């Protein structure tokens, strides 16, 4: 089926992406999924990862996302993410500093009650994903 689908990636703070795409691949919690124009409607949750899409001009683009939901309709896919940023906007040094902080927290004594290891693991996963995307540029 020929044609483009509208992709919108939104966070509570801003619109991150609003453009036409040939295909969109996104990190669902049950696995990666792809959407083309004419897709059957569905709603799913997202995990931390990257949205990969081919824009209307055929260039592959990437967007970091952390959690949220995706709604696919026949002519549009909307991503409501807890956080998101285009690959070109990722601050590599900031991501590396976040990775170091998370690794340090995870290396600390697990018997301490003031450390939230689940949050530290999630922070580490977000930092690693950002670093991988930023280094692909």
N, C-alpha and C. Protein backbone atom coordinates (compact mmCIF):
# COMPACT_ATOMS: atom_id res chain seq x y z
N UNK A 1 0.85 -1.17 0.00
CA UNK A 1 0.00 0.00 0.00
C UNK A 1 0.89 1.24 0.00
N UNK A 2 0.73 2.10 -0.96
CA UNK A 2 1.57 3.29 -1.08
C UNK A 2 1.02 4.43 -0.24
N UNK A 3 1.90 5.33 0.17
CA UNK A 3 1.49 6.49 0.94
C UNK A 3 2.23 6.58 2.25
N UNK A 4 2.07 7.71 2.89
CA UNK A 4 2.74 7.96 4.17
C UNK A 4 1.74 7.99 5.31
N UNK A 5 2.25 7.71 6.49
CA UNK A 5 1.46 7.76 7.71
C UNK A 5 1.95 8.94 8.54
N UNK A 6 1.07 9.59 9.25
CA UNK A 6 1.44 10.71 10.11
C UNK A 6 2.00 10.16 11.42
N UNK A 7 3.18 10.63 11.82
CA UNK A 7 3.81 10.25 13.08
C UNK A 7 3.84 11.45 14.01
N UNK A 8 3.31 11.27 15.21
CA UNK A 8 3.39 12.31 16.22
C UNK A 8 3.93 11.68 17.50
N UNK A 9 5.01 12.27 18.03
CA UNK A 9 5.60 11.84 19.29
C UNK A 9 5.48 13.03 20.24
N UNK A 10 4.77 12.81 21.35
CA UNK A 10 4.46 13.89 22.28
C UNK A 10 4.86 13.47 23.69
N UNK A 11 5.42 14.42 24.45
CA UNK A 11 5.69 14.22 25.87
C UNK A 11 4.79 15.20 26.64
N UNK A 12 4.74 15.12 27.95
CA UNK A 12 3.96 16.11 28.70
C UNK A 12 4.44 17.55 28.49
N UNK A 13 5.70 17.71 28.08
CA UNK A 13 6.25 19.05 27.91
C UNK A 13 6.15 19.60 26.49
N UNK A 14 6.22 18.71 25.48
CA UNK A 14 6.32 19.26 24.12
C UNK A 14 6.00 18.22 23.04
N UNK A 15 5.82 18.73 21.84
CA UNK A 15 5.70 17.90 20.65
C UNK A 15 7.12 17.66 20.16
N UNK A 16 7.54 16.40 20.08
CA UNK A 16 8.91 16.06 19.69
C UNK A 16 8.99 15.82 18.18
N UNK A 17 8.02 15.11 17.63
CA UNK A 17 7.98 14.83 16.20
C UNK A 17 6.54 14.98 15.71
N UNK A 18 6.40 15.61 14.56
CA UNK A 18 5.12 15.70 13.88
C UNK A 18 5.42 15.79 12.39
N UNK A 19 5.44 14.62 11.74
CA UNK A 19 5.77 14.59 10.31
C UNK A 19 5.26 13.32 9.65
N UNK A 20 5.32 13.31 8.34
CA UNK A 20 4.92 12.16 7.55
C UNK A 20 6.05 11.13 7.54
N UNK A 21 5.68 9.86 7.59
CA UNK A 21 6.67 8.78 7.57
C UNK A 21 6.19 7.66 6.65
N UNK A 22 7.15 6.99 6.04
CA UNK A 22 6.82 5.85 5.19
C UNK A 22 6.53 4.62 6.04
N UNK A 23 7.32 4.43 7.12
CA UNK A 23 7.17 3.31 8.04
C UNK A 23 7.68 3.73 9.41
N UNK A 24 7.06 3.18 10.45
CA UNK A 24 7.46 3.49 11.83
C UNK A 24 7.62 2.18 12.58
N UNK A 25 8.75 2.01 13.27
CA UNK A 25 8.99 0.85 14.13
C UNK A 25 9.21 1.36 15.54
N UNK A 26 8.53 0.74 16.52
CA UNK A 26 8.55 1.26 17.87
C UNK A 26 8.73 0.13 18.89
N UNK A 27 9.30 0.45 20.08
CA UNK A 27 9.56 -0.57 21.10
C UNK A 27 8.37 -0.83 22.03
N UNK A 28 7.48 -1.70 21.64
CA UNK A 28 6.36 -2.06 22.50
C UNK A 28 6.82 -2.93 23.66
N UNK A 29 6.06 -2.95 24.74
CA UNK A 29 6.45 -3.77 25.89
C UNK A 29 6.38 -5.26 25.57
N UNK A 30 5.59 -5.64 24.56
CA UNK A 30 5.51 -7.05 24.17
C UNK A 30 6.40 -7.36 22.96
N UNK A 31 7.17 -6.37 22.53
CA UNK A 31 8.06 -6.55 21.39
C UNK A 31 7.94 -5.39 20.43
N UNK A 32 8.92 -5.28 19.55
CA UNK A 32 8.91 -4.20 18.57
C UNK A 32 7.78 -4.41 17.58
N UNK A 33 7.16 -3.32 17.15
CA UNK A 33 6.10 -3.40 16.16
C UNK A 33 6.32 -2.35 15.08
N UNK A 34 5.82 -2.61 13.90
CA UNK A 34 5.93 -1.69 12.78
C UNK A 34 4.56 -1.27 12.29
N UNK A 35 4.50 -0.04 11.78
CA UNK A 35 3.24 0.51 11.31
C UNK A 35 3.44 1.16 9.95
N UNK A 36 2.57 0.82 9.02
CA UNK A 36 2.50 1.43 7.69
C UNK A 36 1.14 2.08 7.53
N UNK A 37 0.97 2.88 6.49
CA UNK A 37 -0.34 3.46 6.18
C UNK A 37 -1.35 2.32 6.03
N UNK A 38 -2.55 2.51 6.55
CA UNK A 38 -3.60 1.50 6.45
C UNK A 38 -3.57 0.46 7.55
N UNK A 39 -2.73 0.64 8.57
CA UNK A 39 -2.60 -0.35 9.64
C UNK A 39 -3.91 -0.50 10.42
N UNK A 40 -4.15 -1.69 10.90
CA UNK A 40 -5.29 -1.95 11.78
C UNK A 40 -5.11 -1.16 13.07
N UNK A 41 -6.16 -0.50 13.57
CA UNK A 41 -6.03 0.27 14.81
C UNK A 41 -5.67 -0.61 16.01
N UNK A 42 -4.77 -0.08 16.85
CA UNK A 42 -4.44 -0.75 18.11
C UNK A 42 -3.80 0.25 19.05
N UNK A 43 -3.77 -0.12 20.33
CA UNK A 43 -3.17 0.69 21.38
C UNK A 43 -2.25 -0.23 22.17
N UNK A 44 -1.04 0.25 22.49
CA UNK A 44 -0.09 -0.58 23.24
C UNK A 44 0.77 0.30 24.14
N UNK A 45 1.40 -0.34 25.10
CA UNK A 45 2.35 0.35 25.97
C UNK A 45 3.74 0.25 25.36
N UNK A 46 4.60 1.18 25.75
CA UNK A 46 5.97 1.23 25.23
C UNK A 46 6.97 0.99 26.35
N UNK A 47 8.13 0.47 25.96
CA UNK A 47 9.24 0.36 26.89
C UNK A 47 10.33 1.33 26.44
N UNK A 48 11.35 1.49 27.25
CA UNK A 48 12.47 2.35 26.87
C UNK A 48 13.15 1.77 25.64
N UNK A 49 13.40 2.63 24.68
CA UNK A 49 14.04 2.20 23.44
C UNK A 49 14.05 3.31 22.42
N UNK A 50 14.09 2.93 21.16
CA UNK A 50 14.11 3.95 20.12
C UNK A 50 13.04 3.66 19.07
N UNK A 51 12.41 4.74 18.65
CA UNK A 51 11.49 4.68 17.52
C UNK A 51 12.35 4.90 16.30
N UNK A 52 12.19 4.04 15.33
CA UNK A 52 12.92 4.14 14.06
C UNK A 52 11.89 4.38 12.98
N UNK A 53 12.10 5.41 12.18
CA UNK A 53 11.15 5.65 11.09
C UNK A 53 11.87 6.18 9.86
N UNK A 54 11.23 5.95 8.74
CA UNK A 54 11.73 6.47 7.47
C UNK A 54 10.84 7.66 7.13
N UNK A 55 11.45 8.84 7.01
CA UNK A 55 10.64 10.03 6.73
C UNK A 55 10.15 10.02 5.28
N UNK A 56 9.37 11.01 4.93
CA UNK A 56 8.76 11.07 3.60
C UNK A 56 9.79 11.13 2.49
N UNK A 57 11.01 11.60 2.78
CA UNK A 57 12.08 11.69 1.79
C UNK A 57 12.95 10.43 1.74
N UNK A 58 12.63 9.43 2.58
CA UNK A 58 13.38 8.18 2.56
C UNK A 58 14.57 8.13 3.51
N UNK A 59 14.73 9.15 4.36
CA UNK A 59 15.84 9.17 5.31
C UNK A 59 15.42 8.50 6.61
N UNK A 60 16.30 7.61 7.14
CA UNK A 60 16.00 6.93 8.39
C UNK A 60 16.27 7.87 9.57
N UNK A 61 15.31 7.93 10.48
CA UNK A 61 15.39 8.81 11.65
C UNK A 61 15.17 7.99 12.92
N UNK A 62 15.66 8.52 14.05
CA UNK A 62 15.53 7.84 15.33
C UNK A 62 15.07 8.82 16.40
N UNK A 63 14.25 8.31 17.33
CA UNK A 63 13.78 9.09 18.47
C UNK A 63 13.88 8.21 19.71
N UNK A 64 14.54 8.71 20.75
CA UNK A 64 14.59 8.01 22.03
C UNK A 64 13.24 8.17 22.71
N UNK A 65 12.70 7.07 23.28
CA UNK A 65 11.47 7.15 24.07
C UNK A 65 11.66 6.35 25.35
N UNK A 66 11.03 6.82 26.39
CA UNK A 66 11.04 6.11 27.66
C UNK A 66 9.61 6.01 28.15
N UNK A 67 9.07 4.82 28.03
CA UNK A 67 7.72 4.56 28.51
C UNK A 67 6.64 5.32 27.77
N UNK A 68 5.40 4.97 28.07
CA UNK A 68 4.26 5.65 27.47
C UNK A 68 3.38 4.70 26.69
N UNK A 69 2.66 5.27 25.74
CA UNK A 69 1.68 4.54 24.94
C UNK A 69 1.80 4.91 23.48
N UNK A 70 1.39 3.99 22.62
CA UNK A 70 1.31 4.27 21.18
C UNK A 70 -0.07 3.86 20.70
N UNK A 71 -0.66 4.71 19.88
CA UNK A 71 -1.94 4.41 19.25
C UNK A 71 -1.73 4.44 17.75
N UNK A 72 -2.02 3.32 17.11
CA UNK A 72 -1.93 3.25 15.65
C UNK A 72 -3.33 3.31 15.08
N UNK A 73 -3.50 4.16 14.08
CA UNK A 73 -4.74 4.26 13.31
C UNK A 73 -4.37 4.06 11.85
N UNK A 74 -5.31 3.87 10.97
CA UNK A 74 -4.95 3.62 9.56
C UNK A 74 -4.11 4.73 8.91
N UNK A 75 -4.25 5.98 9.39
CA UNK A 75 -3.52 7.08 8.76
C UNK A 75 -2.58 7.83 9.70
N UNK A 76 -2.45 7.36 10.96
CA UNK A 76 -1.67 8.11 11.94
C UNK A 76 -1.21 7.19 13.07
N UNK A 77 0.01 7.46 13.58
CA UNK A 77 0.47 6.82 14.81
C UNK A 77 0.86 7.92 15.78
N UNK A 78 0.27 7.85 16.97
CA UNK A 78 0.55 8.83 18.02
C UNK A 78 1.25 8.13 19.16
N UNK A 79 2.39 8.70 19.57
CA UNK A 79 3.15 8.18 20.70
C UNK A 79 3.07 9.21 21.82
N UNK A 80 2.54 8.78 22.96
CA UNK A 80 2.49 9.62 24.15
C UNK A 80 3.55 9.05 25.10
N UNK A 81 4.71 9.69 25.14
CA UNK A 81 5.86 9.16 25.87
C UNK A 81 6.12 9.94 27.15
N UNK A 82 6.61 9.22 28.17
CA UNK A 82 7.02 9.89 29.40
C UNK A 82 8.15 10.87 29.11
N UNK A 83 9.11 10.43 28.28
CA UNK A 83 10.17 11.31 27.80
C UNK A 83 10.57 10.87 26.41
N UNK A 84 11.01 11.82 25.62
CA UNK A 84 11.42 11.52 24.24
C UNK A 84 12.32 12.63 23.74
N UNK A 85 13.26 12.25 22.87
CA UNK A 85 14.09 13.26 22.21
C UNK A 85 14.63 12.68 20.91
N UNK A 86 14.71 13.56 19.92
CA UNK A 86 15.27 13.15 18.63
C UNK A 86 16.73 12.78 18.82
N UNK A 87 17.21 11.89 17.98
CA UNK A 87 18.60 11.45 18.04
C UNK A 87 19.54 12.65 18.00
N UNK A 88 19.28 13.60 17.13
CA UNK A 88 20.16 14.76 16.97
C UNK A 88 20.19 15.67 18.19
N UNK A 89 19.18 15.54 19.09
CA UNK A 89 19.11 16.41 20.26
C UNK A 89 19.69 15.77 21.52
N UNK A 90 20.14 14.53 21.44
CA UNK A 90 20.67 13.85 22.62
C UNK A 90 22.03 14.42 22.97
N UNK A 91 22.18 14.80 24.24
CA UNK A 91 23.45 15.32 24.76
C UNK A 91 24.27 14.11 25.24
N UNK A 92 25.26 13.73 24.46
CA UNK A 92 26.05 12.53 24.75
C UNK A 92 26.75 12.62 26.10
N UNK A 93 27.33 13.74 26.42
CA UNK A 93 28.05 13.89 27.70
C UNK A 93 27.09 13.77 28.88
N UNK A 94 25.91 14.34 28.75
CA UNK A 94 24.91 14.24 29.81
C UNK A 94 24.47 12.79 29.99
N UNK A 95 24.28 12.08 28.89
CA UNK A 95 23.89 10.66 28.96
C UNK A 95 24.98 9.83 29.62
N UNK A 96 26.24 10.11 29.29
CA UNK A 96 27.34 9.37 29.91
C UNK A 96 27.42 9.64 31.41
N UNK A 97 27.17 10.88 31.81
CA UNK A 97 27.17 11.22 33.24
C UNK A 97 26.02 10.51 33.95
N UNK A 98 24.87 10.42 33.32
CA UNK A 98 23.73 9.71 33.90
C UNK A 98 24.04 8.22 34.04
N UNK A 99 24.72 7.66 33.05
CA UNK A 99 25.11 6.25 33.14
C UNK A 99 26.05 6.02 34.32
N UNK A 100 27.03 6.90 34.48
CA UNK A 100 27.97 6.76 35.59
C UNK A 100 27.28 6.87 36.94
N UNK A 101 26.33 7.80 37.08
CA UNK A 101 25.59 7.93 38.34
C UNK A 101 24.79 6.66 38.64
N UNK A 102 24.11 6.13 37.61
CA UNK A 102 23.30 4.93 37.80
C UNK A 102 24.18 3.73 38.14
N UNK A 103 25.31 3.59 37.46
CA UNK A 103 26.22 2.47 37.76
C UNK A 103 26.75 2.57 39.19
N UNK A 104 27.04 3.77 39.62
CA UNK A 104 27.55 3.98 40.98
C UNK A 104 26.49 3.58 42.01
N UNK A 105 25.24 3.98 41.77
CA UNK A 105 24.16 3.63 42.69
C UNK A 105 23.95 2.12 42.73
N UNK A 106 24.05 1.47 41.59
CA UNK A 106 23.85 0.03 41.54
C UNK A 106 24.99 -0.74 42.21
N UNK A 107 26.16 -0.14 42.26
CA UNK A 107 27.32 -0.79 42.88
C UNK A 107 27.33 -0.63 44.40
N UNK A 108 26.47 0.24 44.92
CA UNK A 108 26.44 0.48 46.37
C UNK A 108 25.82 -0.71 47.10
N UNK A 109 26.00 -0.70 48.38
CA UNK A 109 25.51 -1.77 49.27
C UNK A 109 23.99 -1.93 49.14
N UNK A 110 23.54 -3.11 48.75
CA UNK A 110 22.12 -3.38 48.55
C UNK A 110 21.33 -3.42 49.85
N UNK A 111 22.00 -3.48 50.98
CA UNK A 111 21.28 -3.51 52.25
C UNK A 111 20.81 -2.11 52.67
N UNK A 112 21.31 -1.09 52.01
CA UNK A 112 20.89 0.28 52.34
C UNK A 112 19.47 0.51 51.85
N UNK A 113 18.62 1.00 52.72
CA UNK A 113 17.22 1.21 52.37
C UNK A 113 16.98 2.50 51.60
N UNK A 114 17.94 3.42 51.62
CA UNK A 114 17.73 4.71 50.97
C UNK A 114 18.03 4.68 49.47
N UNK A 115 18.42 3.53 48.95
CA UNK A 115 18.74 3.43 47.51
C UNK A 115 17.63 2.65 46.81
N UNK A 116 17.08 3.24 45.79
CA UNK A 116 16.03 2.59 45.01
C UNK A 116 16.70 1.94 43.79
N UNK A 117 16.96 0.65 43.88
CA UNK A 117 17.69 -0.05 42.82
C UNK A 117 16.87 -0.18 41.54
N UNK A 118 15.56 -0.29 41.66
CA UNK A 118 14.71 -0.37 40.46
C UNK A 118 14.83 0.92 39.65
N UNK A 119 14.80 2.05 40.34
CA UNK A 119 14.93 3.34 39.65
C UNK A 119 16.32 3.49 39.05
N UNK A 120 17.33 3.03 39.76
CA UNK A 120 18.71 3.11 39.26
C UNK A 120 18.87 2.26 38.00
N UNK A 121 18.27 1.06 37.99
CA UNK A 121 18.33 0.20 36.79
C UNK A 121 17.62 0.85 35.61
N UNK A 122 16.47 1.47 35.88
CA UNK A 122 15.73 2.15 34.81
C UNK A 122 16.54 3.33 34.28
N UNK A 123 17.18 4.07 35.17
CA UNK A 123 18.01 5.20 34.75
C UNK A 123 19.19 4.72 33.91
N UNK A 124 19.77 3.60 34.30
CA UNK A 124 20.88 3.03 33.53
C UNK A 124 20.42 2.63 32.13
N UNK A 125 19.26 1.99 32.04
CA UNK A 125 18.73 1.59 30.74
C UNK A 125 18.47 2.80 29.85
N UNK A 126 17.90 3.86 30.41
CA UNK A 126 17.66 5.08 29.62
C UNK A 126 18.97 5.69 29.13
N UNK A 127 19.96 5.76 30.01
CA UNK A 127 21.26 6.35 29.66
C UNK A 127 21.94 5.54 28.56
N UNK A 128 21.94 4.23 28.69
CA UNK A 128 22.59 3.38 27.68
C UNK A 128 21.90 3.52 26.32
N UNK A 129 20.58 3.58 26.32
CA UNK A 129 19.84 3.73 25.06
C UNK A 129 20.17 5.07 24.42
N UNK A 130 20.21 6.14 25.20
CA UNK A 130 20.57 7.46 24.66
C UNK A 130 21.99 7.46 24.08
N UNK A 131 22.91 6.85 24.82
CA UNK A 131 24.31 6.80 24.35
C UNK A 131 24.40 6.07 23.03
N UNK A 132 23.75 4.92 22.92
CA UNK A 132 23.79 4.15 21.67
C UNK A 132 23.24 4.97 20.50
N UNK A 133 22.13 5.66 20.72
CA UNK A 133 21.56 6.48 19.64
C UNK A 133 22.48 7.63 19.27
N UNK A 134 23.02 8.31 20.29
CA UNK A 134 23.88 9.46 20.03
C UNK A 134 25.15 9.04 19.29
N UNK A 135 25.67 7.88 19.61
CA UNK A 135 26.92 7.43 18.96
C UNK A 135 26.68 6.93 17.53
N UNK A 136 25.44 6.72 17.14
CA UNK A 136 25.11 6.30 15.77
C UNK A 136 25.17 7.47 14.79
N UNK A 137 25.16 8.70 15.30
CA UNK A 137 25.12 9.87 14.42
C UNK A 137 26.31 9.91 13.51
